C-alpha cells in the first residue's frame, strides 16, 4: 500500500519501508558511508534498537510511553504566580491585582 509522504515522513528506497521521521529512517540504516557495506536493519534489529512499528504502518524511532505523566499546575511550576503575572483572573473574568 502506497502512503502519502508529507512533512518529515519518508520511504526507504532500498527496503521500501515507511518512516515517520528522518531520525527513524537514519536509525534503520547502518554501516560505513564510504564503502558498499551500508544496509537497512531487518525488523528484529529495529525492534532491538527500540524502534516501533505503528498500526498505521509507519516505523518510529522510539515508542511513546504508555503512562501519562501527571499534568503540572501553574501553582506547582511557579512559587508565586504574582511574581510573574501582573494580575490574576477570577471566575467572572475580571482582573484583580495580586497582593
C-alpha atoms as a PDB file:
ATOM      1  CA  UNK A   1       0.000   0.000   0.000  1.00  0.00           C
ATOM      2  CA  UNK A   2       1.432   3.364  -1.041  1.00  0.00           C
ATOM      3  CA  UNK A   3       1.425   6.047   1.626  1.00  0.00           C
ATOM      4  CA  UNK A   4       1.429   9.803   1.139  1.00  0.00           C
ATOM      5  CA  UNK A   5       4.751  11.316   2.172  1.00  0.00           C
ATOM      6  CA  UNK A   6       4.246  14.677   3.896  1.00  0.00           C
ATOM      7  CA  UNK A   7       6.358  16.725   6.251  1.00  0.00           C
ATOM      8  CA  UNK A   8       9.265  14.715   7.654  1.00  0.00           C
ATOM      9  CA  UNK A   9       7.898  11.278   6.632  1.00  0.00           C
ATOM     10  CA  UNK A  10       9.845   9.222   4.137  1.00  0.00           C
ATOM     11  CA  UNK A  11      10.203   5.841   2.459  1.00  0.00           C
ATOM     12  CA  UNK A  12      13.473   3.957   2.178  1.00  0.00           C
ATOM     13  CA  UNK A  13      14.368   3.412  -1.500  1.00  0.00           C
ATOM     14  CA  UNK A  14      16.268   0.236  -0.569  1.00  0.00           C
ATOM     15  CA  UNK A  15      13.859  -1.723   1.661  1.00  0.00           C
ATOM     16  CA  UNK A  16      10.677   0.263   0.787  1.00  0.00           C
ATOM     17  CA  UNK A  17       9.635   0.623   4.460  1.00  0.00           C
ATOM     18  CA  UNK A  18       7.934   3.823   5.630  1.00  0.00           C
ATOM     19  CA  UNK A  19       9.359   6.011   8.404  1.00  0.00           C
ATOM     20  CA  UNK A  20       7.607   8.704  10.431  1.00  0.00           C
ATOM     21  CA  UNK A  21      10.727  10.888  10.604  1.00  0.00           C
ATOM     22  CA  UNK A  22      14.201  11.364   9.196  1.00  0.00           C
ATOM     23  CA  UNK A  23      15.525  10.273  12.601  1.00  0.00           C
ATOM     24  CA  UNK A  24      13.716   6.918  12.317  1.00  0.00           C
ATOM     25  CA  UNK A  25      14.900   6.491   8.725  1.00  0.00           C
ATOM     26  CA  UNK A  26      18.515   7.254   9.654  1.00  0.00           C
ATOM     27  CA  UNK A  27      18.328   4.942  12.677  1.00  0.00           C
ATOM     28  CA  UNK A  28      17.395   1.987  10.451  1.00  0.00           C
ATOM     29  CA  UNK A  29      20.499   2.348   8.258  1.00  0.00           C
ATOM     30  CA  UNK A  30      23.862   1.020   9.451  1.00  0.00           C
ATOM     31  CA  UNK A  31      27.324   0.628   8.039  1.00  0.00           C
ATOM     32  CA  UNK A  32      30.073   2.774   6.625  1.00  0.00           C
ATOM     33  CA  UNK A  33      29.130   5.528   4.178  1.00  0.00           C
ATOM     34  CA  UNK A  34      32.415   5.221   2.283  1.00  0.00           C
ATOM     35  CA  UNK A  35      32.087   1.529   1.411  1.00  0.00           C
ATOM     36  CA  UNK A  36      29.362  -0.658  -0.005  1.00  0.00           C
ATOM     37  CA  UNK A  37      28.748  -2.091   3.481  1.00  0.00           C
ATOM     38  CA  UNK A  38      25.793   0.197   4.293  1.00  0.00           C
ATOM     39  CA  UNK A  39      22.486  -1.642   4.715  1.00  0.00           C
ATOM     40  CA  UNK A  40      18.997  -1.500   6.206  1.00  0.00           C
ATOM     41  CA  UNK A  41      18.235  -3.131   9.527  1.00  0.00           C
ATOM     42  CA  UNK A  42      15.784  -6.008   9.499  1.00  0.00           C
ATOM     43  CA  UNK A  43      12.622  -5.810  11.610  1.00  0.00           C
ATOM     44  CA  UNK A  44      14.057  -7.660  14.623  1.00  0.00           C
ATOM     45  CA  UNK A  45      17.126  -5.379  14.649  1.00  0.00           C
ATOM     46  CA  UNK A  46      14.947  -2.266  14.555  1.00  0.00           C
ATOM     47  CA  UNK A  47      12.852  -3.586  17.448  1.00  0.00           C
ATOM     48  CA  UNK A  48      16.071  -4.326  19.386  1.00  0.00           C
ATOM     49  CA  UNK A  49      17.094  -0.670  18.862  1.00  0.00           C
ATOM     50  CA  UNK A  50      13.840   0.451  20.487  1.00  0.00           C
ATOM     51  CA  UNK A  51      12.067   1.356  17.255  1.00  0.00           C
ATOM     52  CA  UNK A  52       8.377   0.630  16.910  1.00  0.00           C
ATOM     53  CA  UNK A  53       6.019  -0.152  14.026  1.00  0.00           C
ATOM     54  CA  UNK A  54       2.717   1.682  14.419  1.00  0.00           C
ATOM     55  CA  UNK A  55      -0.620   0.171  13.385  1.00  0.00           C
ATOM     56  CA  UNK A  56      -0.678   2.727  10.558  1.00  0.00           C
ATOM     57  CA  UNK A  57       2.428   1.111   9.016  1.00  0.00           C
ATOM     58  CA  UNK A  58       4.934   3.842   9.905  1.00  0.00           C
ATOM     59  CA  UNK A  59       8.169   2.983  11.725  1.00  0.00           C
ATOM     60  CA  UNK A  60       9.061   5.413  14.533  1.00  0.00           C
ATOM     61  CA  UNK A  61      12.415   5.887  16.270  1.00  0.00           C
ATOM     62  CA  UNK A  62      11.039   5.054  19.736  1.00  0.00           C
ATOM     63  CA  UNK A  63       7.737   4.030  21.230  1.00  0.00           C
ATOM     64  CA  UNK A  64       5.878   6.660  23.227  1.00  0.00           C
ATOM     65  CA  UNK A  65       5.468   5.882  26.935  1.00  0.00           C
ATOM     66  CA  UNK A  66       2.138   4.253  27.698  1.00  0.00           C
ATOM     67  CA  UNK A  67       1.714   6.051  31.029  1.00  0.00           C
ATOM     68  CA  UNK A  68       0.761   9.702  31.012  1.00  0.00           C
ATOM     69  CA  UNK A  69       2.779  11.953  33.223  1.00  0.00           C
ATOM     70  CA  UNK A  70       0.764  13.888  35.792  1.00  0.00           C
ATOM     71  CA  UNK A  71      -0.171  17.290  34.443  1.00  0.00           C
ATOM     72  CA  UNK A  72       1.567  20.119  36.240  1.00  0.00           C
ATOM     73  CA  UNK A  73      -0.440  23.013  37.598  1.00  0.00           C
ATOM     74  CA  UNK A  74       0.717  26.602  37.272  1.00  0.00           C
ATOM     75  CA  UNK A  75       0.905  26.849  41.064  1.00  0.00           C
ATOM     76  CA  UNK A  76       3.314  23.870  41.084  1.00  0.00           C
ATOM     77  CA  UNK A  77       5.580  25.484  38.483  1.00  0.00           C
ATOM     78  CA  UNK A  78       5.699  28.989  39.924  1.00  0.00           C
ATOM     79  CA  UNK A  79       6.299  29.533  43.642  1.00  0.00           C
ATOM     80  CA  UNK A  80       4.245  32.722  43.494  1.00  0.00           C
ATOM     81  CA  UNK A  81       2.355  33.431  40.259  1.00  0.00           C
ATOM     82  CA  UNK A  82       2.121  37.113  41.235  1.00  0.00           C
ATOM     83  CA  UNK A  83       5.883  37.425  40.759  1.00  0.00           C
ATOM     84  CA  UNK A  84       5.437  36.594  37.084  1.00  0.00           C
ATOM     85  CA  UNK A  85       1.918  37.631  36.204  1.00  0.00           C
ATOM     86  CA  UNK A  86       0.756  41.248  36.628  1.00  0.00           C
ATOM     87  CA  UNK A  87      -2.745  40.148  37.586  1.00  0.00           C
ATOM     88  CA  UNK A  88      -4.904  37.138  38.273  1.00  0.00           C
ATOM     89  CA  UNK A  89      -8.208  36.358  36.589  1.00  0.00           C
ATOM     90  CA  UNK A  90     -11.143  35.486  38.818  1.00  0.00           C
ATOM     91  CA  UNK A  91     -14.168  33.391  37.854  1.00  0.00           C
ATOM     92  CA  UNK A  92     -16.015  36.389  36.384  1.00  0.00           C
ATOM     93  CA  UNK A  93     -13.020  37.116  34.080  1.00  0.00           C
ATOM     94  CA  UNK A  94     -12.302  40.427  35.779  1.00  0.00           C
ATOM     95  CA  UNK A  95      -8.694  41.266  36.542  1.00  0.00           C
ATOM     96  CA  UNK A  96      -7.789  41.586  40.174  1.00  0.00           C
ATOM     97  CA  UNK A  97      -4.366  42.765  41.319  1.00  0.00           C
ATOM     98  CA  UNK A  98      -2.062  40.362  43.095  1.00  0.00           C
ATOM     99  CA  UNK A  99      -1.406  41.001  46.763  1.00  0.00           C
END
